[in-house]
């Protein structure tokens, strides 16, 4: 199930919206992580730099075969060995990963889905106790050159409420200039 209003622009346009390494550091991606999940990995904007920052592996999920193919090509060209790709509708099917098995989940630009609890409940299920998930989303308080329609962008308060309702504790909030906000949530 594709997230509403979730088509991807050209990669050159997309890459202008982020400083991936800075955002990953701000969102607590650290060298000691063994297992990271990227839900909706797209072009690998965050997957590839995260793979170079952690000691473990990344499982990257996307529903779009073209996105998976493009990311696989980059992985091959860069000879990256710690990324596993999954062409899967993780919203409908779940991730298929074991309970309590993951250190960190990247949930970037996805919580405009009409059933955010479904996503957050799956993240809660797979995270280890003490595991974290990073939420990044387009700001809802201003127009941006990309992102879902303002009418159904998630606000930081909505994301925090959904996370708490799914069992998480909010551990960090930040503005990721110029177009995004970030929330770090933890499974205690």
N, C-alpha and C. Protein backbone atom coordinates (compact mmCIF):
# COMPACT_ATOMS: atom_id res chain seq x y z
N UNK A 1 0.85 -1.17 0.00
CA UNK A 1 0.00 0.00 0.00
C UNK A 1 0.90 1.23 0.00
N UNK A 2 0.82 1.99 -1.06
CA UNK A 2 1.63 3.21 -1.11
C UNK A 2 1.04 4.26 -0.19
N UNK A 3 1.92 5.01 0.42
CA UNK A 3 1.50 6.12 1.28
C UNK A 3 0.95 7.20 0.36
N UNK A 4 -0.16 7.80 0.75
CA UNK A 4 -0.78 8.80 -0.11
C UNK A 4 0.20 9.93 -0.44
N UNK A 5 0.08 10.40 -1.67
CA UNK A 5 0.89 11.52 -2.14
C UNK A 5 2.38 11.25 -1.93
N UNK A 6 2.83 10.04 -2.32
CA UNK A 6 4.20 9.64 -1.99
C UNK A 6 5.11 9.44 -3.18
N UNK A 7 4.74 9.91 -4.35
CA UNK A 7 5.62 9.75 -5.49
C UNK A 7 6.94 10.46 -5.28
N UNK A 8 7.98 9.92 -5.89
CA UNK A 8 9.32 10.50 -5.73
C UNK A 8 9.63 11.41 -6.91
N UNK A 9 10.27 12.55 -6.63
CA UNK A 9 10.73 13.42 -7.72
C UNK A 9 12.02 12.86 -8.32
N UNK A 10 12.60 13.58 -9.24
CA UNK A 10 13.91 13.21 -9.75
C UNK A 10 14.91 13.22 -8.60
N UNK A 11 15.87 12.32 -8.66
CA UNK A 11 16.82 12.20 -7.56
C UNK A 11 17.64 13.47 -7.35
N UNK A 12 18.01 14.17 -8.43
CA UNK A 12 18.79 15.39 -8.27
C UNK A 12 18.00 16.43 -7.48
N UNK A 13 16.70 16.50 -7.70
CA UNK A 13 15.86 17.43 -6.94
C UNK A 13 15.77 16.95 -5.48
N UNK A 14 15.51 15.68 -5.29
CA UNK A 14 15.34 15.10 -3.96
C UNK A 14 16.57 15.33 -3.09
N UNK A 15 17.75 15.16 -3.67
CA UNK A 15 18.99 15.26 -2.89
C UNK A 15 19.26 16.68 -2.38
N UNK A 16 18.61 17.67 -2.96
CA UNK A 16 18.81 19.05 -2.51
C UNK A 16 18.07 19.36 -1.21
N UNK A 17 17.18 18.48 -0.78
CA UNK A 17 16.36 18.75 0.39
C UNK A 17 17.01 18.31 1.70
N UNK A 18 18.13 17.59 1.65
CA UNK A 18 18.68 16.97 2.85
C UNK A 18 20.20 17.09 2.91
N UNK A 19 20.71 17.10 4.12
CA UNK A 19 22.11 16.83 4.40
C UNK A 19 22.08 15.51 5.18
N UNK A 20 22.10 14.38 4.49
CA UNK A 20 21.85 13.09 5.15
C UNK A 20 22.77 12.80 6.32
N UNK A 21 24.07 13.05 6.18
CA UNK A 21 25.00 12.72 7.26
C UNK A 21 24.69 13.54 8.51
N UNK A 22 24.43 14.82 8.34
CA UNK A 22 24.09 15.68 9.47
C UNK A 22 22.80 15.21 10.14
N UNK A 23 21.79 14.95 9.33
CA UNK A 23 20.50 14.50 9.89
C UNK A 23 20.67 13.19 10.62
N UNK A 24 21.41 12.24 10.05
CA UNK A 24 21.60 10.95 10.72
C UNK A 24 22.30 11.12 12.06
N UNK A 25 23.30 11.99 12.12
CA UNK A 25 23.96 12.25 13.41
C UNK A 25 22.99 12.88 14.40
N UNK A 26 22.20 13.85 13.94
CA UNK A 26 21.22 14.49 14.81
C UNK A 26 20.17 13.50 15.31
N UNK A 27 19.88 12.49 14.50
CA UNK A 27 18.87 11.50 14.86
C UNK A 27 19.47 10.27 15.54
N UNK A 28 20.68 10.40 16.06
CA UNK A 28 21.35 9.38 16.88
C UNK A 28 21.73 8.10 16.15
N UNK A 29 22.06 8.19 14.88
CA UNK A 29 22.67 7.05 14.19
C UNK A 29 24.14 7.06 14.59
N UNK A 30 24.57 5.98 15.25
CA UNK A 30 25.92 5.92 15.79
C UNK A 30 26.63 4.63 15.38
N UNK A 31 27.93 4.62 15.53
CA UNK A 31 28.76 3.50 15.11
C UNK A 31 28.43 2.20 15.85
N UNK A 32 27.85 2.27 17.04
CA UNK A 32 27.61 1.06 17.82
C UNK A 32 26.35 0.30 17.42
N UNK A 33 25.60 0.78 16.45
CA UNK A 33 24.36 0.10 16.05
C UNK A 33 24.67 -1.16 15.24
N UNK A 34 24.03 -2.26 15.63
CA UNK A 34 24.19 -3.54 14.92
C UNK A 34 23.14 -3.75 13.84
N UNK A 35 21.92 -3.27 14.11
CA UNK A 35 20.81 -3.55 13.19
C UNK A 35 19.94 -2.31 13.02
N UNK A 36 19.86 -1.85 11.77
CA UNK A 36 19.09 -0.66 11.44
C UNK A 36 18.13 -1.02 10.31
N UNK A 37 16.93 -0.48 10.38
CA UNK A 37 15.93 -0.67 9.34
C UNK A 37 15.62 0.69 8.72
N UNK A 38 15.55 0.74 7.40
CA UNK A 38 15.11 1.94 6.69
C UNK A 38 13.81 1.59 5.99
N UNK A 39 12.71 2.14 6.49
CA UNK A 39 11.40 1.89 5.91
C UNK A 39 11.10 2.95 4.86
N UNK A 40 10.85 2.51 3.63
CA UNK A 40 10.65 3.44 2.54
C UNK A 40 11.97 4.05 2.10
N UNK A 41 12.92 3.20 1.76
CA UNK A 41 14.30 3.63 1.52
C UNK A 41 14.49 4.48 0.27
N UNK A 42 13.58 4.38 -0.69
CA UNK A 42 13.67 5.22 -1.88
C UNK A 42 15.01 5.10 -2.58
N UNK A 43 15.62 6.26 -2.88
CA UNK A 43 16.90 6.30 -3.59
C UNK A 43 18.08 5.86 -2.73
N UNK A 44 17.85 5.63 -1.45
CA UNK A 44 18.96 5.31 -0.55
C UNK A 44 19.60 6.55 0.03
N UNK A 45 18.89 7.67 0.00
CA UNK A 45 19.40 8.95 0.48
C UNK A 45 19.98 8.83 1.88
N UNK A 46 19.30 8.07 2.74
CA UNK A 46 19.76 7.87 4.11
C UNK A 46 20.36 6.48 4.31
N UNK A 47 19.93 5.51 3.52
CA UNK A 47 20.41 4.14 3.67
C UNK A 47 21.92 4.05 3.47
N UNK A 48 22.40 4.62 2.39
CA UNK A 48 23.83 4.49 2.07
C UNK A 48 24.71 5.20 3.10
N UNK A 49 24.45 6.47 3.45
CA UNK A 49 25.32 7.08 4.47
C UNK A 49 25.21 6.38 5.82
N UNK A 50 24.02 5.91 6.18
CA UNK A 50 23.88 5.20 7.46
C UNK A 50 24.70 3.91 7.45
N UNK A 51 24.76 3.24 6.31
CA UNK A 51 25.52 1.99 6.23
C UNK A 51 27.01 2.22 6.50
N UNK A 52 27.47 3.43 6.23
CA UNK A 52 28.88 3.76 6.44
C UNK A 52 29.14 4.28 7.85
N UNK A 53 28.08 4.55 8.59
CA UNK A 53 28.22 5.09 9.94
C UNK A 53 28.09 4.03 11.03
N UNK A 54 27.50 2.88 10.72
CA UNK A 54 27.22 1.86 11.74
C UNK A 54 28.16 0.67 11.58
N UNK A 55 28.25 -0.12 12.64
CA UNK A 55 29.10 -1.31 12.56
C UNK A 55 28.35 -2.51 12.01
N UNK A 56 27.02 -2.48 12.08
CA UNK A 56 26.20 -3.62 11.69
C UNK A 56 25.63 -3.51 10.29
N UNK A 57 24.40 -4.01 10.15
CA UNK A 57 23.77 -4.07 8.83
C UNK A 57 22.48 -3.24 8.81
N UNK A 58 22.07 -2.93 7.60
CA UNK A 58 20.82 -2.22 7.38
C UNK A 58 19.93 -3.07 6.49
N UNK A 59 18.68 -3.20 6.89
CA UNK A 59 17.65 -3.79 6.05
C UNK A 59 16.81 -2.64 5.53
N UNK A 60 16.80 -2.47 4.21
CA UNK A 60 16.09 -1.36 3.58
C UNK A 60 14.86 -1.91 2.85
N UNK A 61 13.70 -1.33 3.16
CA UNK A 61 12.44 -1.77 2.59
C UNK A 61 11.86 -0.69 1.68
N UNK A 62 11.35 -1.11 0.54
CA UNK A 62 10.59 -0.20 -0.32
C UNK A 62 9.58 -1.02 -1.12
N UNK A 63 8.47 -0.38 -1.45
CA UNK A 63 7.41 -1.03 -2.20
C UNK A 63 7.60 -0.90 -3.71
N UNK A 64 8.47 0.02 -4.12
CA UNK A 64 8.63 0.34 -5.54
C UNK A 64 9.82 -0.42 -6.13
N UNK A 65 9.56 -1.32 -7.08
CA UNK A 65 10.66 -2.09 -7.68
C UNK A 65 11.75 -1.21 -8.31
N UNK A 66 11.36 -0.08 -8.89
CA UNK A 66 12.35 0.81 -9.49
C UNK A 66 13.28 1.41 -8.43
N UNK A 67 12.73 1.77 -7.27
CA UNK A 67 13.57 2.29 -6.19
C UNK A 67 14.55 1.23 -5.71
N UNK A 68 14.08 0.01 -5.57
CA UNK A 68 14.96 -1.09 -5.14
C UNK A 68 16.06 -1.32 -6.17
N UNK A 69 15.70 -1.29 -7.45
CA UNK A 69 16.69 -1.50 -8.51
C UNK A 69 17.73 -0.38 -8.51
N UNK A 70 17.30 0.87 -8.37
CA UNK A 70 18.24 1.98 -8.34
C UNK A 70 19.17 1.89 -7.13
N UNK A 71 18.61 1.53 -5.98
CA UNK A 71 19.44 1.42 -4.79
C UNK A 71 20.41 0.24 -4.91
N UNK A 72 19.96 -0.87 -5.48
CA UNK A 72 20.86 -2.02 -5.67
C UNK A 72 22.03 -1.65 -6.58
N UNK A 73 21.76 -0.87 -7.60
CA UNK A 73 22.82 -0.43 -8.51
C UNK A 73 23.86 0.39 -7.76
N UNK A 74 23.42 1.29 -6.91
CA UNK A 74 24.35 2.11 -6.11
C UNK A 74 25.16 1.24 -5.15
N UNK A 75 24.49 0.30 -4.50
CA UNK A 75 25.16 -0.60 -3.57
C UNK A 75 26.26 -1.38 -4.29
N UNK A 76 25.94 -1.87 -5.49
CA UNK A 76 26.93 -2.62 -6.27
C UNK A 76 28.09 -1.72 -6.69
N UNK A 77 27.78 -0.52 -7.17
CA UNK A 77 28.83 0.40 -7.62
C UNK A 77 29.77 0.80 -6.48
N UNK A 78 29.20 0.97 -5.29
CA UNK A 78 30.00 1.39 -4.14
C UNK A 78 30.57 0.20 -3.36
N UNK A 79 30.22 -1.01 -3.79
CA UNK A 79 30.68 -2.24 -3.15
C UNK A 79 30.34 -2.26 -1.65
N UNK A 80 29.11 -1.90 -1.35
CA UNK A 80 28.63 -1.90 0.04
C UNK A 80 28.16 -3.31 0.38
N UNK A 81 28.57 -3.80 1.53
CA UNK A 81 28.27 -5.19 1.91
C UNK A 81 27.27 -5.32 3.05
N UNK A 82 26.88 -4.21 3.67
CA UNK A 82 26.03 -4.34 4.87
C UNK A 82 24.61 -3.82 4.68
N UNK A 83 24.12 -3.81 3.43
CA UNK A 83 22.72 -3.43 3.17
C UNK A 83 22.01 -4.60 2.53
N UNK A 84 20.87 -4.99 3.11
CA UNK A 84 19.99 -6.00 2.53
C UNK A 84 18.73 -5.29 2.06
N UNK A 85 18.34 -5.51 0.81
CA UNK A 85 17.15 -4.86 0.26
C UNK A 85 15.95 -5.79 0.30
N UNK A 86 14.79 -5.19 0.55
CA UNK A 86 13.53 -5.94 0.62
C UNK A 86 12.48 -5.21 -0.21
N UNK A 87 12.04 -5.82 -1.29
CA UNK A 87 10.91 -5.30 -2.05
C UNK A 87 9.66 -5.84 -1.37
N UNK A 88 9.04 -4.99 -0.56
CA UNK A 88 7.95 -5.49 0.28
C UNK A 88 7.04 -4.36 0.70
N UNK A 89 5.77 -4.66 0.78
CA UNK A 89 4.79 -3.73 1.32
C UNK A 89 4.74 -3.95 2.83
N UNK A 90 5.65 -3.32 3.54
CA UNK A 90 5.76 -3.55 4.98
C UNK A 90 4.56 -3.02 5.74
N UNK A 91 3.79 -2.11 5.14
CA UNK A 91 2.59 -1.59 5.82
C UNK A 91 1.51 -2.66 5.86
N UNK A 92 1.31 -3.35 4.75
CA UNK A 92 0.28 -4.40 4.69
C UNK A 92 0.80 -5.72 5.27
N UNK A 93 2.03 -6.09 4.91
CA UNK A 93 2.56 -7.40 5.27
C UNK A 93 3.41 -7.42 6.54
N UNK A 94 3.78 -6.26 7.05
CA UNK A 94 4.76 -6.21 8.12
C UNK A 94 6.15 -6.41 7.55
N UNK A 95 7.15 -6.29 8.38
CA UNK A 95 8.53 -6.43 7.90
C UNK A 95 8.95 -7.89 7.78
N UNK A 96 8.32 -8.78 8.56
CA UNK A 96 8.74 -10.17 8.58
C UNK A 96 9.94 -10.40 9.50
N UNK A 97 10.39 -9.35 10.18
CA UNK A 97 11.52 -9.47 11.09
C UNK A 97 11.07 -9.97 12.46
N UNK A 98 12.00 -10.53 13.21
CA UNK A 98 11.69 -11.08 14.52
C UNK A 98 11.33 -9.99 15.52
N UNK A 99 10.51 -10.36 16.50
CA UNK A 99 10.21 -9.47 17.62
C UNK A 99 11.51 -9.10 18.33
N UNK A 100 11.58 -7.89 18.84
CA UNK A 100 12.68 -7.46 19.71
C UNK A 100 14.06 -7.74 19.12
N UNK A 101 14.25 -7.42 17.83
CA UNK A 101 15.49 -7.80 17.17
C UNK A 101 16.29 -6.64 16.57
N UNK A 102 15.76 -5.44 16.61
CA UNK A 102 16.36 -4.32 15.86
C UNK A 102 16.76 -3.20 16.83
N UNK A 103 17.90 -2.57 16.54
CA UNK A 103 18.39 -1.45 17.36
C UNK A 103 17.74 -0.11 17.00
N UNK A 104 17.52 0.12 15.70
CA UNK A 104 17.09 1.45 15.26
C UNK A 104 16.27 1.31 13.98
N UNK A 105 15.19 2.11 13.89
CA UNK A 105 14.36 2.16 12.68
C UNK A 105 14.31 3.60 12.18
N UNK A 106 14.60 3.77 10.89
CA UNK A 106 14.46 5.07 10.24
C UNK A 106 13.07 5.14 9.60
N UNK A 107 12.29 6.06 10.06
CA UNK A 107 10.93 6.27 9.55
C UNK A 107 10.88 7.70 9.02
N UNK A 108 11.36 7.85 7.81
CA UNK A 108 11.59 9.18 7.26
C UNK A 108 10.58 9.48 6.15
N UNK A 109 9.78 10.52 6.36
CA UNK A 109 8.80 11.01 5.40
C UNK A 109 7.71 10.00 5.07
N UNK A 110 7.22 9.28 6.09
CA UNK A 110 6.17 8.28 5.87
C UNK A 110 4.93 8.46 6.73
N UNK A 111 4.97 9.25 7.75
CA UNK A 111 3.82 9.27 8.67
C UNK A 111 2.66 10.14 8.19
N UNK A 112 2.59 10.40 6.90
CA UNK A 112 1.36 10.98 6.35
C UNK A 112 0.45 9.86 5.86
N UNK A 113 0.82 8.63 6.15
CA UNK A 113 -0.03 7.47 5.86
C UNK A 113 -1.33 7.59 6.64
N UNK A 114 -2.41 7.08 6.10
CA UNK A 114 -3.70 7.23 6.78
C UNK A 114 -3.87 6.28 7.96
N UNK A 115 -2.93 5.36 8.18
CA UNK A 115 -2.96 4.47 9.35
C UNK A 115 -1.58 4.45 10.01
N UNK A 116 -1.17 5.56 10.61
CA UNK A 116 0.18 5.63 11.18
C UNK A 116 0.41 4.63 12.31
N UNK A 117 -0.64 4.28 13.05
CA UNK A 117 -0.47 3.31 14.15
C UNK A 117 -0.02 1.95 13.62
N UNK A 118 -0.48 1.60 12.43
CA UNK A 118 -0.09 0.32 11.84
C UNK A 118 1.43 0.27 11.65
N UNK A 119 2.01 1.37 11.19
CA UNK A 119 3.45 1.45 10.99
C UNK A 119 4.17 1.45 12.35
N UNK A 120 3.71 2.30 13.25
CA UNK A 120 4.37 2.44 14.55
C UNK A 120 4.26 1.16 15.39
N UNK A 121 3.15 0.45 15.28
CA UNK A 121 3.02 -0.80 16.02
C UNK A 121 4.01 -1.85 15.52
N UNK A 122 4.24 -1.89 14.20
CA UNK A 122 5.23 -2.82 13.65
C UNK A 122 6.63 -2.44 14.11
N UNK A 123 6.93 -1.16 14.13
CA UNK A 123 8.23 -0.71 14.61
C UNK A 123 8.41 -1.10 16.08
N UNK A 124 7.40 -0.89 16.89
CA UNK A 124 7.48 -1.24 18.31
C UNK A 124 7.74 -2.74 18.45
N UNK A 125 7.08 -3.55 17.65
CA UNK A 125 7.22 -5.00 17.72
C UNK A 125 8.65 -5.44 17.44
N UNK A 126 9.29 -4.86 16.43
CA UNK A 126 10.60 -5.34 16.02
C UNK A 126 11.76 -4.72 16.81
N UNK A 127 11.54 -3.57 17.45
CA UNK A 127 12.62 -2.93 18.20
C UNK A 127 12.94 -3.69 19.49
N UNK A 128 14.23 -3.73 19.80
CA UNK A 128 14.66 -4.24 21.10
C UNK A 128 14.24 -3.25 22.19
N UNK A 129 14.16 -3.71 23.42
CA UNK A 129 13.98 -2.79 24.53
C UNK A 129 15.17 -1.85 24.54
N UNK A 130 14.90 -0.57 24.61
CA UNK A 130 15.96 0.44 24.52
C UNK A 130 16.23 0.88 23.09
N UNK A 131 15.60 0.20 22.12
CA UNK A 131 15.78 0.56 20.72
C UNK A 131 15.09 1.88 20.39
N UNK A 132 15.57 2.51 19.34
CA UNK A 132 15.06 3.83 18.97
C UNK A 132 14.53 3.82 17.54
N UNK A 133 13.64 4.77 17.30
CA UNK A 133 13.18 5.04 15.93
C UNK A 133 13.27 6.53 15.71
N UNK A 134 13.76 6.89 14.55
CA UNK A 134 13.82 8.29 14.17
C UNK A 134 12.70 8.61 13.21
N UNK A 135 11.92 9.61 13.55
CA UNK A 135 10.85 10.10 12.67
C UNK A 135 11.32 11.42 12.08
N UNK A 136 11.30 11.50 10.78
CA UNK A 136 11.54 12.76 10.08
C UNK A 136 10.34 12.98 9.18
N UNK A 137 9.87 14.21 9.15
CA UNK A 137 8.76 14.51 8.25
C UNK A 137 8.82 15.95 7.79
N UNK A 138 8.15 16.18 6.67
CA UNK A 138 8.04 17.53 6.12
C UNK A 138 7.27 18.40 7.10
N UNK A 139 7.76 19.60 7.29
CA UNK A 139 7.08 20.55 8.18
C UNK A 139 5.68 20.85 7.65
N UNK A 140 4.76 20.98 8.58
CA UNK A 140 3.36 21.25 8.23
C UNK A 140 2.98 22.71 8.42
N UNK A 141 3.92 23.50 8.92
CA UNK A 141 3.63 24.91 9.22
C UNK A 141 4.05 25.85 8.09
N UNK A 142 4.48 25.28 6.96
CA UNK A 142 4.93 26.10 5.85
C UNK A 142 4.90 25.31 4.55
N UNK A 143 4.70 25.98 3.42
CA UNK A 143 4.82 25.28 2.14
C UNK A 143 6.29 24.90 1.91
N UNK A 144 6.50 23.79 1.26
CA UNK A 144 7.85 23.34 0.94
C UNK A 144 7.88 22.98 -0.55
N UNK A 145 9.06 22.90 -1.15
CA UNK A 145 9.12 22.62 -2.58
C UNK A 145 8.75 21.18 -2.93
N UNK A 146 8.55 20.36 -1.95
CA UNK A 146 8.20 18.95 -2.15
C UNK A 146 7.45 18.49 -0.90
N UNK A 147 6.98 17.28 -0.92
CA UNK A 147 6.29 16.72 0.23
C UNK A 147 4.81 16.59 -0.03
N UNK A 148 4.11 15.87 0.85
CA UNK A 148 2.67 15.68 0.68
C UNK A 148 1.93 17.00 0.80
N UNK A 149 0.72 17.01 0.31
CA UNK A 149 -0.12 18.19 0.38
C UNK A 149 -0.25 18.63 1.84
N UNK A 150 -0.23 19.92 2.07
CA UNK A 150 -0.31 20.45 3.44
C UNK A 150 -1.53 19.96 4.20
N UNK A 151 -2.62 19.64 3.49
CA UNK A 151 -3.85 19.20 4.15
C UNK A 151 -3.69 17.90 4.92
N UNK A 152 -2.74 17.06 4.52
CA UNK A 152 -2.57 15.82 5.29
C UNK A 152 -1.13 15.54 5.68
N UNK A 153 -0.37 16.59 5.87
CA UNK A 153 0.95 16.41 6.48
C UNK A 153 0.77 16.21 7.98
N UNK A 154 1.55 15.34 8.51
CA UNK A 154 1.52 15.09 9.95
C UNK A 154 2.24 16.23 10.67
N UNK A 155 1.68 16.65 11.79
CA UNK A 155 2.34 17.66 12.61
C UNK A 155 3.24 16.95 13.62
N UNK A 156 4.19 17.67 14.18
CA UNK A 156 5.01 17.05 15.23
C UNK A 156 4.16 16.55 16.40
N UNK A 157 3.14 17.32 16.80
CA UNK A 157 2.29 16.88 17.92
C UNK A 157 1.53 15.61 17.58
N UNK A 158 1.04 15.49 16.33
CA UNK A 158 0.35 14.25 15.94
C UNK A 158 1.30 13.06 15.98
N UNK A 159 2.50 13.25 15.44
CA UNK A 159 3.47 12.15 15.43
C UNK A 159 3.82 11.72 16.85
N UNK A 160 4.01 12.69 17.73
CA UNK A 160 4.32 12.35 19.13
C UNK A 160 3.15 11.61 19.78
N UNK A 161 1.93 12.06 19.52
CA UNK A 161 0.75 11.40 20.10
C UNK A 161 0.65 9.96 19.60
N UNK A 162 0.81 9.75 18.30
CA UNK A 162 0.73 8.40 17.75
C UNK A 162 1.83 7.51 18.33
N UNK A 163 3.02 8.06 18.48
CA UNK A 163 4.13 7.28 19.04
C UNK A 163 3.84 6.87 20.48
N UNK A 164 3.37 7.79 21.28
CA UNK A 164 3.04 7.48 22.68
C UNK A 164 1.91 6.44 22.74
N UNK A 165 0.91 6.60 21.89
CA UNK A 165 -0.20 5.63 21.85
C UNK A 165 0.28 4.24 21.43
N UNK A 166 1.37 4.17 20.71
CA UNK A 166 1.93 2.89 20.28
C UNK A 166 2.95 2.34 21.27
N UNK A 167 3.15 3.04 22.40
CA UNK A 167 4.00 2.52 23.46
C UNK A 167 5.37 3.17 23.59
N UNK A 168 5.69 4.14 22.76
CA UNK A 168 7.00 4.77 22.78
C UNK A 168 7.09 5.93 23.76
N UNK A 169 8.32 6.27 24.10
CA UNK A 169 8.63 7.48 24.87
C UNK A 169 9.33 8.44 23.92
N UNK A 170 8.96 9.70 23.98
CA UNK A 170 9.60 10.73 23.17
C UNK A 170 10.91 11.12 23.85
N UNK A 171 12.03 11.02 23.13
CA UNK A 171 13.32 11.31 23.76
C UNK A 171 14.05 12.51 23.15
N UNK A 172 13.59 12.97 22.00
CA UNK A 172 14.26 14.12 21.38
C UNK A 172 13.35 14.71 20.31
N UNK A 173 13.38 16.04 20.22
CA UNK A 173 12.65 16.75 19.16
C UNK A 173 13.57 17.80 18.58
N UNK A 174 13.54 17.96 17.26
CA UNK A 174 14.38 18.98 16.65
C UNK A 174 13.81 19.44 15.32
N UNK A 175 14.24 20.61 14.91
CA UNK A 175 13.94 21.13 13.59
C UNK A 175 15.13 20.80 12.71
N UNK A 176 14.85 20.23 11.56
CA UNK A 176 15.89 19.85 10.60
C UNK A 176 15.76 20.80 9.41
N UNK A 177 16.47 21.89 9.51
CA UNK A 177 16.35 22.95 8.51
C UNK A 177 16.68 22.45 7.11
N UNK A 178 16.01 22.97 6.10
CA UNK A 178 14.99 24.00 6.22
C UNK A 178 13.56 23.47 6.20
N UNK A 179 13.35 22.19 5.83
CA UNK A 179 11.99 21.74 5.52
C UNK A 179 11.42 20.66 6.42
N UNK A 180 12.17 20.16 7.38
CA UNK A 180 11.73 18.98 8.13
C UNK A 180 11.78 19.18 9.64
N UNK A 181 11.07 18.32 10.34
CA UNK A 181 11.21 18.20 11.78
C UNK A 181 11.64 16.77 12.07
N UNK A 182 12.21 16.57 13.25
CA UNK A 182 12.65 15.24 13.66
C UNK A 182 12.19 14.95 15.08
N UNK A 183 11.85 13.68 15.29
CA UNK A 183 11.47 13.21 16.62
C UNK A 183 12.15 11.86 16.83
N UNK A 184 12.82 11.70 17.94
CA UNK A 184 13.42 10.44 18.30
C UNK A 184 12.53 9.79 19.36
N UNK A 185 12.15 8.54 19.10
CA UNK A 185 11.29 7.81 20.03
C UNK A 185 12.02 6.55 20.48
N UNK A 186 11.73 6.12 21.70
CA UNK A 186 12.44 4.98 22.29
C UNK A 186 11.44 3.97 22.84
N UNK A 187 11.74 2.71 22.66
CA UNK A 187 10.97 1.62 23.27
C UNK A 187 11.62 1.29 24.60
N UNK A 188 10.94 1.62 25.70
CA UNK A 188 11.51 1.35 27.03
C UNK A 188 11.06 0.01 27.57
